[in-house]
Amino acid sequence: MINVIASIKVKSDKIKEFLTIFKANVPAVKKEKGCIEYFPSMDFDSGLSAQKKDSNIVTIIEKWESIEDLKDHLKSSHMDSYREKVKDIVESVELKILEEA
């Protein structure tokens, strides 16, 4: 199993628009071969001192059966369409691709 943490920095005045576009794509992603989990999340003020918060970051939590499934996901037509829709509101994307230690 592959775990993915995608950190997407969105222009501050475009968070709501980004989430609307992203969530519209989620059902198509969840139908993909190998998708176990896929959802957006944002910082919650926990009050814990070690927490680093950024209200312009949307964190996507993903789980995939294999790296091949993840690679197929990234090449899918609905992901191409999603990227086109958000290209002017996303400032940066960082991925952490993880496996159980």
PDB file of N, CA and C in Angstrom:
ATOM      1  N   MET A   1       0.843  -1.177   0.000  1.00  0.00           N
ATOM      2  CA  MET A   1       0.000   0.000   0.000  1.00  0.00           C
ATOM      3  C   MET A   1       0.890   1.243   0.000  1.00  0.00           C
ATOM      4  N   ILE A   2       0.458   2.252  -0.734  1.00  0.00           N
ATOM      5  CA  ILE A   2       1.158   3.526  -0.839  1.00  0.00           C
ATOM      6  C   ILE A   2       0.298   4.604  -0.183  1.00  0.00           C
ATOM      7  N   ASN A   3       0.917   5.411   0.657  1.00  0.00           N
ATOM      8  CA  ASN A   3       0.244   6.549   1.277  1.00  0.00           C
ATOM      9  C   ASN A   3       0.783   7.821   0.636  1.00  0.00           C
ATOM     10  N   VAL A   4      -0.103   8.750   0.367  1.00  0.00           N
ATOM     11  CA  VAL A   4       0.292  10.008  -0.248  1.00  0.00           C
ATOM     12  C   VAL A   4      -0.247  11.157   0.585  1.00  0.00           C
ATOM     13  N   ILE A   5       0.618  12.127   0.829  1.00  0.00           N
ATOM     14  CA  ILE A   5       0.205  13.385   1.439  1.00  0.00           C
ATOM     15  C   ILE A   5       0.573  14.466   0.433  1.00  0.00           C
ATOM     16  N   ALA A   6      -0.442  15.074  -0.151  1.00  0.00           N
ATOM     17  CA  ALA A   6      -0.234  16.138  -1.121  1.00  0.00           C
ATOM     18  C   ALA A   6      -0.566  17.463  -0.454  1.00  0.00           C
ATOM     19  N   SER A   7       0.390  18.373  -0.428  1.00  0.00           N
ATOM     20  CA  SER A   7       0.189  19.702   0.137  1.00  0.00           C
ATOM     21  C   SER A   7       0.041  20.683  -1.008  1.00  0.00           C
ATOM     22  N   ILE A   8      -1.152  21.257  -1.118  1.00  0.00           N
ATOM     23  CA  ILE A   8      -1.456  22.156  -2.223  1.00  0.00           C
ATOM     24  C   ILE A   8      -1.638  23.564  -1.673  1.00  0.00           C
ATOM     25  N   LYS A   9      -0.720  24.450  -2.072  1.00  0.00           N
ATOM     26  CA  LYS A   9      -0.822  25.853  -1.643  1.00  0.00           C
ATOM     27  C   LYS A   9      -1.706  26.578  -2.643  1.00  0.00           C
ATOM     28  N   VAL A  10      -2.783  27.155  -2.122  1.00  0.00           N
ATOM     29  CA  VAL A  10      -3.802  27.815  -2.934  1.00  0.00           C
ATOM     30  C   VAL A  10      -3.778  29.320  -2.635  1.00  0.00           C
ATOM     31  N   LYS A  11      -4.019  30.127  -3.657  1.00  0.00           N
ATOM     32  CA  LYS A  11      -4.121  31.567  -3.435  1.00  0.00           C
ATOM     33  C   LYS A  11      -5.172  31.825  -2.357  1.00  0.00           C
ATOM     34  N   SER A  12      -4.860  32.722  -1.426  1.00  0.00           N
ATOM     35  CA  SER A  12      -5.684  32.891  -0.225  1.00  0.00           C
ATOM     36  C   SER A  12      -7.144  33.214  -0.506  1.00  0.00           C
ATOM     37  N   ASP A  13      -7.430  33.918  -1.555  1.00  0.00           N
ATOM     38  CA  ASP A  13      -8.820  34.270  -1.839  1.00  0.00           C
ATOM     39  C   ASP A  13      -9.518  33.234  -2.721  1.00  0.00           C
ATOM     40  N   LYS A  14      -8.853  32.091  -2.949  1.00  0.00           N
ATOM     41  CA  LYS A  14      -9.391  31.081  -3.859  1.00  0.00           C
ATOM     42  C   LYS A  14      -9.618  29.709  -3.201  1.00  0.00           C
ATOM     43  N   ILE A  15      -9.517  29.639  -1.887  1.00  0.00           N
ATOM     44  CA  ILE A  15      -9.669  28.352  -1.185  1.00  0.00           C
ATOM     45  C   ILE A  15     -11.037  27.731  -1.455  1.00  0.00           C
ATOM     46  N   LYS A  16     -12.096  28.492  -1.310  1.00  0.00           N
ATOM     47  CA  LYS A  16     -13.449  27.963  -1.505  1.00  0.00           C
ATOM     48  C   LYS A  16     -13.622  27.449  -2.935  1.00  0.00           C
ATOM     49  N   GLU A  17     -13.156  28.225  -3.911  1.00  0.00           N
ATOM     50  CA  GLU A  17     -13.246  27.814  -5.316  1.00  0.00           C
ATOM     51  C   GLU A  17     -12.458  26.526  -5.556  1.00  0.00           C
ATOM     52  N   PHE A  18     -11.248  26.467  -4.988  1.00  0.00           N
ATOM     53  CA  PHE A  18     -10.425  25.270  -5.139  1.00  0.00           C
ATOM     54  C   PHE A  18     -11.145  24.045  -4.575  1.00  0.00           C
ATOM     55  N   LEU A  19     -11.670  24.162  -3.363  1.00  0.00           N
ATOM     56  CA  LEU A  19     -12.339  23.021  -2.727  1.00  0.00           C
ATOM     57  C   LEU A  19     -13.555  22.558  -3.524  1.00  0.00           C
ATOM     58  N   THR A  20     -14.287  23.473  -4.111  1.00  0.00           N
ATOM     59  CA  THR A  20     -15.438  23.108  -4.940  1.00  0.00           C
ATOM     60  C   THR A  20     -14.981  22.283  -6.143  1.00  0.00           C
ATOM     61  N   ILE A  21     -13.933  22.745  -6.822  1.00  0.00           N
ATOM     62  CA  ILE A  21     -13.401  22.024  -7.989  1.00  0.00           C
ATOM     63  C   ILE A  21     -12.849  20.670  -7.561  1.00  0.00           C
ATOM     64  N   PHE A  22     -12.073  20.658  -6.484  1.00  0.00           N
ATOM     65  CA  PHE A  22     -11.457  19.420  -6.019  1.00  0.00           C
ATOM     66  C   PHE A  22     -12.514  18.377  -5.644  1.00  0.00           C
ATOM     67  N   LYS A  23     -13.477  18.788  -4.837  1.00  0.00           N
ATOM     68  CA  LYS A  23     -14.499  17.847  -4.368  1.00  0.00           C
ATOM     69  C   LYS A  23     -15.353  17.312  -5.508  1.00  0.00           C
ATOM     70  N   ALA A  24     -15.528  18.078  -6.573  1.00  0.00           N
ATOM     71  CA  ALA A  24     -16.278  17.603  -7.739  1.00  0.00           C
ATOM     72  C   ALA A  24     -15.545  16.460  -8.441  1.00  0.00           C
ATOM     73  N   ASN A  25     -14.228  16.399  -8.276  1.00  0.00           N
ATOM     74  CA  ASN A  25     -13.413  15.364  -8.910  1.00  0.00           C
ATOM     75  C   ASN A  25     -13.275  14.101  -8.048  1.00  0.00           C
ATOM     76  N   VAL A  26     -13.554  14.211  -6.774  1.00  0.00           N
ATOM     77  CA  VAL A  26     -13.350  13.094  -5.840  1.00  0.00           C
ATOM     78  C   VAL A  26     -14.110  11.820  -6.244  1.00  0.00           C
ATOM     79  N   PRO A  27     -15.384  11.877  -6.629  1.00  0.00           N
ATOM     80  CA  PRO A  27     -16.075  10.634  -7.000  1.00  0.00           C
ATOM     81  C   PRO A  27     -15.396   9.867  -8.138  1.00  0.00           C
ATOM     82  N   ALA A  28     -14.871  10.583  -9.122  1.00  0.00           N
ATOM     83  CA  ALA A  28     -14.165   9.918 -10.233  1.00  0.00           C
ATOM     84  C   ALA A  28     -12.890   9.247  -9.733  1.00  0.00           C
ATOM     85  N   VAL A  29     -12.173   9.912  -8.833  1.00  0.00           N
ATOM     86  CA  VAL A  29     -10.943   9.345  -8.285  1.00  0.00           C
ATOM     87  C   VAL A  29     -11.250   8.091  -7.475  1.00  0.00           C
ATOM     88  N   LYS A  30     -12.283   8.146  -6.648  1.00  0.00           N
ATOM     89  CA  LYS A  30     -12.621   6.999  -5.800  1.00  0.00           C
ATOM     90  C   LYS A  30     -13.038   5.770  -6.599  1.00  0.00           C
ATOM     91  N   LYS A  31     -13.431   5.961  -7.863  1.00  0.00           N
ATOM     92  CA  LYS A  31     -13.783   4.825  -8.730  1.00  0.00           C
ATOM     93  C   LYS A  31     -12.562   4.192  -9.397  1.00  0.00           C
ATOM     94  N   GLU A  32     -11.417   4.842  -9.287  1.00  0.00           N
ATOM     95  CA  GLU A  32     -10.211   4.342  -9.938  1.00  0.00           C
ATOM     96  C   GLU A  32      -9.724   3.048  -9.296  1.00  0.00           C
ATOM     97  N   LYS A  33      -9.106   2.218 -10.126  1.00  0.00           N
ATOM     98  CA  LYS A  33      -8.499   0.973  -9.639  1.00  0.00           C
ATOM     99  C   LYS A  33      -7.441   1.314  -8.587  1.00  0.00           C
ATOM    100  N   GLY A  34      -7.536   0.661  -7.458  1.00  0.00           N
ATOM    101  CA  GLY A  34      -6.521   0.799  -6.418  1.00  0.00           C
ATOM    102  C   GLY A  34      -6.712   1.934  -5.439  1.00  0.00           C
ATOM    103  N   CYS A  35      -7.717   2.778  -5.633  1.00  0.00           N
ATOM    104  CA  CYS A  35      -7.944   3.885  -4.701  1.00  0.00           C
ATOM    105  C   CYS A  35      -8.617   3.356  -3.432  1.00  0.00           C
ATOM    106  N   ILE A  36      -7.965   3.539  -2.320  1.00  0.00           N
ATOM    107  CA  ILE A  36      -8.491   3.106  -1.025  1.00  0.00           C
ATOM    108  C   ILE A  36      -9.094   4.299  -0.283  1.00  0.00           C
ATOM    109  N   GLU A  37      -8.407   5.434  -0.364  1.00  0.00           N
ATOM    110  CA  GLU A  37      -8.841   6.629   0.372  1.00  0.00           C
ATOM    111  C   GLU A  37      -8.358   7.866  -0.374  1.00  0.00           C
ATOM    112  N   TYR A  38      -9.206   8.908  -0.382  1.00  0.00           N
ATOM    113  CA  TYR A  38      -8.850  10.136  -1.104  1.00  0.00           C
ATOM    114  C   TYR A  38      -9.757  11.263  -0.625  1.00  0.00           C
ATOM    115  N   PHE A  39      -9.193  12.229   0.102  1.00  0.00           N
ATOM    116  CA  PHE A  39     -10.014  13.342   0.582  1.00  0.00           C
ATOM    117  C   PHE A  39      -9.153  14.557   0.911  1.00  0.00           C
ATOM    118  N   PRO A  40      -9.749  15.762   0.776  1.00  0.00           N
ATOM    119  CA  PRO A  40      -9.046  16.983   1.158  1.00  0.00           C
ATOM    120  C   PRO A  40      -9.222  17.266   2.648  1.00  0.00           C
ATOM    121  N   SER A  41      -8.230  17.918   3.215  1.00  0.00           N
ATOM    122  CA  SER A  41      -8.326  18.328   4.617  1.00  0.00           C
ATOM    123  C   SER A  41      -7.575  19.648   4.788  1.00  0.00           C
ATOM    124  N   MET A  42      -7.925  20.333   5.877  1.00  0.00           N
ATOM    125  CA  MET A  42      -7.275  21.614   6.174  1.00  0.00           C
ATOM    126  C   MET A  42      -6.916  21.667   7.651  1.00  0.00           C
ATOM    127  N   ASP A  43      -5.996  22.558   7.955  1.00  0.00           N
ATOM    128  CA  ASP A  43      -5.542  22.682   9.333  1.00  0.00           C
ATOM    129  C   ASP A  43      -6.688  22.955  10.293  1.00  0.00           C
ATOM    130  N   PHE A  44      -6.633  22.260  11.405  1.00  0.00           N
ATOM    131  CA  PHE A  44      -7.563  22.415  12.515  1.00  0.00           C
ATOM    132  C   PHE A  44      -6.743  22.961  13.681  1.00  0.00           C
ATOM    133  N   ASP A  45      -7.215  23.991  14.324  1.00  0.00           N
ATOM    134  CA  ASP A  45      -6.465  24.582  15.432  1.00  0.00           C
ATOM    135  C   ASP A  45      -6.596  23.691  16.658  1.00  0.00           C
ATOM    136  N   SER A  46      -5.582  22.869  16.863  1.00  0.00           N
ATOM    137  CA  SER A  46      -5.602  21.905  17.961  1.00  0.00           C
ATOM    138  C   SER A  46      -5.120  22.494  19.281  1.00  0.00           C
ATOM    139  N   GLY A  47      -4.405  23.610  19.195  1.00  0.00           N
ATOM    140  CA  GLY A  47      -3.831  24.179  20.402  1.00  0.00           C
ATOM    141  C   GLY A  47      -2.521  23.517  20.802  1.00  0.00           C
ATOM    142  N   LEU A  48      -2.058  22.551  20.016  1.00  0.00           N
ATOM    143  CA  LEU A  48      -0.789  21.871  20.315  1.00  0.00           C
ATOM    144  C   LEU A  48       0.365  22.712  19.790  1.00  0.00           C
ATOM    145  N   SER A  49       1.396  22.860  20.604  1.00  0.00           N
ATOM    146  CA  SER A  49       2.497  23.768  20.254  1.00  0.00           C
ATOM    147  C   SER A  49       3.306  23.290  19.043  1.00  0.00           C
ATOM    148  N   ALA A  50       3.349  22.011  18.773  1.00  0.00           N
ATOM    149  CA  ALA A  50       4.147  21.489  17.658  1.00  0.00           C
ATOM    150  C   ALA A  50       3.457  21.648  16.309  1.00  0.00           C
ATOM    151  N   GLN A  51       2.198  22.021  16.327  1.00  0.00           N
ATOM    152  CA  GLN A  51       1.445  22.132  15.078  1.00  0.00           C
ATOM    153  C   GLN A  51       1.865  23.362  14.289  1.00  0.00           C
ATOM    154  N   LYS A  52       2.132  23.149  13.006  1.00  0.00           N
ATOM    155  CA  LYS A  52       2.424  24.253  12.088  1.00  0.00           C
ATOM    156  C   LYS A  52       1.202  24.423  11.195  1.00  0.00           C
ATOM    157  N   LYS A  53       0.570  25.592  11.239  1.00  0.00           N
ATOM    158  CA  LYS A  53      -0.668  25.820  10.490  1.00  0.00           C
ATOM    159  C   LYS A  53      -0.433  26.767   9.324  1.00  0.00           C
ATOM    160  N   ASP A  54      -1.186  26.525   8.251  1.00  0.00           N
ATOM    161  CA  ASP A  54      -1.169  27.417   7.092  1.00  0.00           C
ATOM    162  C   ASP A  54      -2.552  27.359   6.462  1.00  0.00           C
ATOM    163  N   SER A  55      -3.290  28.435   6.548  1.00  0.00           N
ATOM    164  CA  SER A  55      -4.665  28.447   6.051  1.00  0.00           C
ATOM    165  C   SER A  55      -4.761  28.445   4.529  1.00  0.00           C
ATOM    166  N   ASN A  56      -3.631  28.537   3.845  1.00  0.00           N
ATOM    167  CA  ASN A  56      -3.626  28.488   2.382  1.00  0.00           C
ATOM    168  C   ASN A  56      -3.222  27.117   1.844  1.00  0.00           C
ATOM    169  N   ILE A  57      -3.014  26.157   2.720  1.00  0.00           N
ATOM    170  CA  ILE A  57      -2.632  24.805   2.304  1.00  0.00           C
ATOM    171  C   ILE A  57      -3.834  23.880   2.450  1.00  0.00           C
ATOM    172  N   VAL A  58      -4.145  23.175   1.373  1.00  0.00           N
ATOM    173  CA  VAL A  58      -5.116  22.087   1.424  1.00  0.00           C
ATOM    174  C   VAL A  58      -4.293  20.809   1.342  1.00  0.00           C
ATOM    175  N   THR A  59      -4.468  19.928   2.312  1.00  0.00           N
ATOM    176  CA  THR A  59      -3.721  18.679   2.354  1.00  0.00           C
ATOM    177  C   THR A  59      -4.631  17.548   1.890  1.00  0.00           C
ATOM    178  N   ILE A  60      -4.160  16.816   0.894  1.00  0.00           N
ATOM    179  CA  ILE A  60      -4.921  15.696   0.363  1.00  0.00           C
ATOM    180  C   ILE A  60      -4.328  14.422   0.958  1.00  0.00           C
ATOM    181  N   ILE A  61      -5.183  13.619   1.572  1.00  0.00           N
ATOM    182  CA  ILE A  61      -4.784  12.345   2.147  1.00  0.00           C
ATOM    183  C   ILE A  61      -5.228  11.256   1.180  1.00  0.00           C
ATOM    184  N   GLU A  62      -4.265  10.446   0.739  1.00  0.00           N
ATOM    185  CA  GLU A  62      -4.560   9.407  -0.248  1.00  0.00           C
ATOM    186  C   GLU A  62      -3.949   8.078   0.184  1.00  0.00           C
ATOM    187  N   LYS A  63      -4.633   6.998  -0.176  1.00  0.00           N
ATOM    188  CA  LYS A  63      -4.087   5.647  -0.015  1.00  0.00           C
ATOM    189  C   LYS A  63      -4.371   4.890  -1.300  1.00  0.00           C
ATOM    190  N   TRP A  64      -3.342   4.230  -1.813  1.00  0.00           N
ATOM    191  CA  TRP A  64      -3.426   3.481  -3.060  1.00  0.00           C
ATOM    192  C   TRP A  64      -2.879   2.081  -2.858  1.00  0.00           C
ATOM    193  N   GLU A  65      -3.455   1.132  -3.573  1.00  0.00           N
ATOM    194  CA  GLU A  65      -3.003  -0.265  -3.482  1.00  0.00           C
ATOM    195  C   GLU A  65      -1.537  -0.406  -3.901  1.00  0.00           C
ATOM    196  N   SER A  66      -1.113   0.356  -4.933  1.00  0.00           N
ATOM    197  CA  SER A  66       0.257   0.223  -5.443  1.00  0.00           C
ATOM    198  C   SER A  66       0.720   1.529  -6.070  1.00  0.00           C
ATOM    199  N   ILE A  67       2.015   1.634  -6.293  1.00  0.00           N
ATOM    200  CA  ILE A  67       2.570   2.804  -6.960  1.00  0.00           C
ATOM    201  C   ILE A  67       2.071   2.877  -8.403  1.00  0.00           C
ATOM    202  N   GLU A  68       1.836   1.737  -9.025  1.00  0.00           N
ATOM    203  CA  GLU A  68       1.313   1.725 -10.395  1.00  0.00           C
ATOM    204  C   GLU A  68      -0.085   2.356 -10.442  1.00  0.00           C
ATOM    205  N   ASP A  69      -0.916   2.053  -9.435  1.00  0.00           N
ATOM    206  CA  ASP A  69      -2.251   2.653  -9.366  1.00  0.00           C
ATOM    207  C   ASP A  69      -2.154   4.170  -9.197  1.00  0.00           C
ATOM    208  N   LEU A  70      -1.219   4.615  -8.374  1.00  0.00           N
ATOM    209  CA  LEU A  70      -1.018   6.051  -8.184  1.00  0.00           C
ATOM    210  C   LEU A  70      -0.571   6.697  -9.491  1.00  0.00           C
ATOM    211  N   LYS A  71       0.363   6.083 -10.185  1.00  0.00           N
ATOM    212  CA  LYS A  71       0.847   6.637 -11.452  1.00  0.00           C
ATOM    213  C   LYS A  71      -0.277   6.699 -12.486  1.00  0.00           C
ATOM    214  N   ASP A  72      -1.118   5.660 -12.539  1.00  0.00           N
ATOM    215  CA  ASP A  72      -2.262   5.678 -13.462  1.00  0.00           C
ATOM    216  C   ASP A  72      -3.222   6.809 -13.105  1.00  0.00           C
ATOM    217  N   HIS A  73      -3.439   7.009 -11.817  1.00  0.00           N
ATOM    218  CA  HIS A  73      -4.294   8.099 -11.341  1.00  0.00           C
ATOM    219  C   HIS A  73      -3.790   9.446 -11.849  1.00  0.00           C
ATOM    220  N   LEU A  74      -2.503   9.664 -11.728  1.00  0.00           N
ATOM    221  CA  LEU A  74      -1.929  10.947 -12.126  1.00  0.00           C
ATOM    222  C   LEU A  74      -2.032  11.201 -13.625  1.00  0.00           C
ATOM    223  N   LYS A  75      -2.167  10.136 -14.420  1.00  0.00           N
ATOM    224  CA  LYS A  75      -2.277  10.258 -15.878  1.00  0.00           C
ATOM    225  C   LYS A  75      -3.727  10.250 -16.369  1.00  0.00           C
ATOM    226  N   SER A  76      -4.696  10.125 -15.472  1.00  0.00           N
ATOM    227  CA  SER A  76      -6.097   9.992 -15.884  1.00  0.00           C
ATOM    228  C   SER A  76      -6.629  11.292 -16.490  1.00  0.00           C
ATOM    229  N   SER A  77      -7.617  11.152 -17.347  1.00  0.00           N
ATOM    230  CA  SER A  77      -8.188  12.328 -18.017  1.00  0.00           C
ATOM    231  C   SER A  77      -8.892  13.258 -17.030  1.00  0.00           C
ATOM    232  N   HIS A  78      -9.531  12.702 -16.012  1.00  0.00           N
ATOM    233  CA  HIS A  78     -10.194  13.593 -15.053  1.00  0.00           C
ATOM    234  C   HIS A  78      -9.184  14.379 -14.216  1.00  0.00           C
ATOM    235  N   MET A  79      -7.993  13.837 -14.010  1.00  0.00           N
ATOM    236  CA  MET A  79      -6.961  14.604 -13.312  1.00  0.00           C
ATOM    237  C   MET A  79      -6.387  15.689 -14.216  1.00  0.00           C
ATOM    238  N   ASP A  80      -6.258  15.402 -15.509  1.00  0.00           N
ATOM    239  CA  ASP A  80      -5.834  16.441 -16.456  1.00  0.00           C
ATOM    240  C   ASP A  80      -6.833  17.592 -16.450  1.00  0.00           C
ATOM    241  N   SER A  81      -8.117  17.257 -16.459  1.00  0.00           N
ATOM    242  CA  SER A  81      -9.173  18.268 -16.446  1.00  0.00           C
ATOM    243  C   SER A  81      -9.132  19.079 -15.148  1.00  0.00           C
ATOM    244  N   TYR A  82      -8.983  18.397 -14.015  1.00  0.00           N
ATOM    245  CA  TYR A  82      -8.878  19.059 -12.707  1.00  0.00           C
ATOM    246  C   TYR A  82      -7.701  20.040 -12.704  1.00  0.00           C
ATOM    247  N   ARG A  83      -6.521  19.581 -13.166  1.00  0.00           N
ATOM    248  CA  ARG A  83      -5.329  20.444 -13.174  1.00  0.00           C
ATOM    249  C   ARG A  83      -5.543  21.689 -14.042  1.00  0.00           C
ATOM    250  N   GLU A  84      -6.218  21.514 -15.151  1.00  0.00           N
ATOM    251  CA  GLU A  84      -6.512  22.657 -16.012  1.00  0.00           C
ATOM    252  C   GLU A  84      -7.409  23.671 -15.292  1.00  0.00           C
ATOM    253  N   LYS A  85      -8.390  23.187 -14.558  1.00  0.00           N
ATOM    254  CA  LYS A  85      -9.326  24.071 -13.854  1.00  0.00           C
ATOM    255  C   LYS A  85      -8.680  24.849 -12.709  1.00  0.00           C
ATOM    256  N   VAL A  86      -7.660  24.268 -12.067  1.00  0.00           N
ATOM    257  CA  VAL A  86      -7.060  24.913 -10.888  1.00  0.00           C
ATOM    258  C   VAL A  86      -5.714  25.583 -11.171  1.00  0.00           C
ATOM    259  N   LYS A  87      -5.247  25.528 -12.411  1.00  0.00           N
ATOM    260  CA  LYS A  87      -3.890  26.009 -12.714  1.00  0.00           C
ATOM    261  C   LYS A  87      -3.648  27.468 -12.325  1.00  0.00           C
ATOM    262  N   ASP A  88      -4.666  28.297 -12.357  1.00  0.00           N
ATOM    263  CA  ASP A  88      -4.486  29.710 -12.029  1.00  0.00           C
ATOM    264  C   ASP A  88      -4.740  30.049 -10.562  1.00  0.00           C
ATOM    265  N   ILE A  89      -5.143  29.054  -9.781  1.00  0.00           N
ATOM    266  CA  ILE A  89      -5.403  29.324  -8.356  1.00  0.00           C
ATOM    267  C   ILE A  89      -4.479  28.539  -7.425  1.00  0.00           C
ATOM    268  N   VAL A  90      -3.732  27.585  -7.969  1.00  0.00           N
ATOM    269  CA  VAL A  90      -2.780  26.813  -7.171  1.00  0.00           C
ATOM    270  C   VAL A  90      -1.395  27.434  -7.328  1.00  0.00           C
ATOM    271  N   GLU A  91      -0.753  27.706  -6.201  1.00  0.00           N
ATOM    272  CA  GLU A  91       0.591  28.286  -6.219  1.00  0.00           C
ATOM    273  C   GLU A  91       1.683  27.224  -6.262  1.00  0.00           C
ATOM    274  N   SER A  92       1.468  26.102  -5.571  1.00  0.00           N
ATOM    275  CA  SER A  92       2.476  25.042  -5.561  1.00  0.00           C
ATOM    276  C   SER A  92       1.860  23.731  -5.074  1.00  0.00           C
ATOM    277  N   VAL A  93       2.536  22.635  -5.415  1.00  0.00           N
ATOM    278  CA  VAL A  93       2.116  21.303  -4.976  1.00  0.00           C
ATOM    279  C   VAL A  93       3.361  20.552  -4.508  1.00  0.00           C
ATOM    280  N   GLU A  94       3.260  19.949  -3.329  1.00  0.00           N
ATOM    281  CA  GLU A  94       4.336  19.094  -2.806  1.00  0.00           C
ATOM    282  C   GLU A  94       3.737  17.746  -2.473  1.00  0.00           C
ATOM    283  N   LEU A  95       4.432  16.684  -2.861  1.00  0.00           N
ATOM    284  CA  LEU A  95       3.955  15.323  -2.596  1.00  0.00           C
ATOM    285  C   LEU A  95       4.902  14.604  -1.652  1.00  0.00           C
ATOM    286  N   LYS A  96       4.328  13.854  -0.731  1.00  0.00           N
ATOM    287  CA  LYS A  96       5.063  12.877   0.081  1.00  0.00           C
ATOM    288  C   LYS A  96       4.472  11.528  -0.301  1.00  0.00           C
ATOM    289  N   ILE A  97       5.310  10.641  -0.853  1.00  0.00           N
ATOM    290  CA  ILE A  97       4.883   9.295  -1.213  1.00  0.00           C
ATOM    291  C   ILE A  97       5.506   8.371  -0.179  1.00  0.00           C
ATOM    292  N   LEU A  98       4.671   7.676   0.569  1.00  0.00           N
ATOM    293  CA  LEU A  98       5.142   6.926   1.733  1.00  0.00           C
ATOM    294  C   LEU A  98       4.698   5.477   1.696  1.00  0.00           C
ATOM    295  N   GLU A  99       5.493   4.630   2.315  1.00  0.00           N
ATOM    296  CA  GLU A  99       5.080   3.246   2.545  1.00  0.00           C
ATOM    297  C   GLU A  99       5.322   2.940   4.007  1.00  0.00           C
ATOM    298  N   GLU A 100       4.629   1.951   4.506  1.00  0.00           N
ATOM    299  CA  GLU A 100       4.764   1.604   5.921  1.00  0.00           C
ATOM    300  C   GLU A 100       6.186   1.197   6.241  1.00  0.00           C
ATOM    301  N   ALA A 101       6.695   1.698   7.334  1.00  0.00           N
ATOM    302  CA  ALA A 101       8.077   1.405   7.760  1.00  0.00           C
ATOM    303  C   ALA A 101       8.158   0.075   8.449  1.00  0.00           C
TER     304      ALA A 101
END
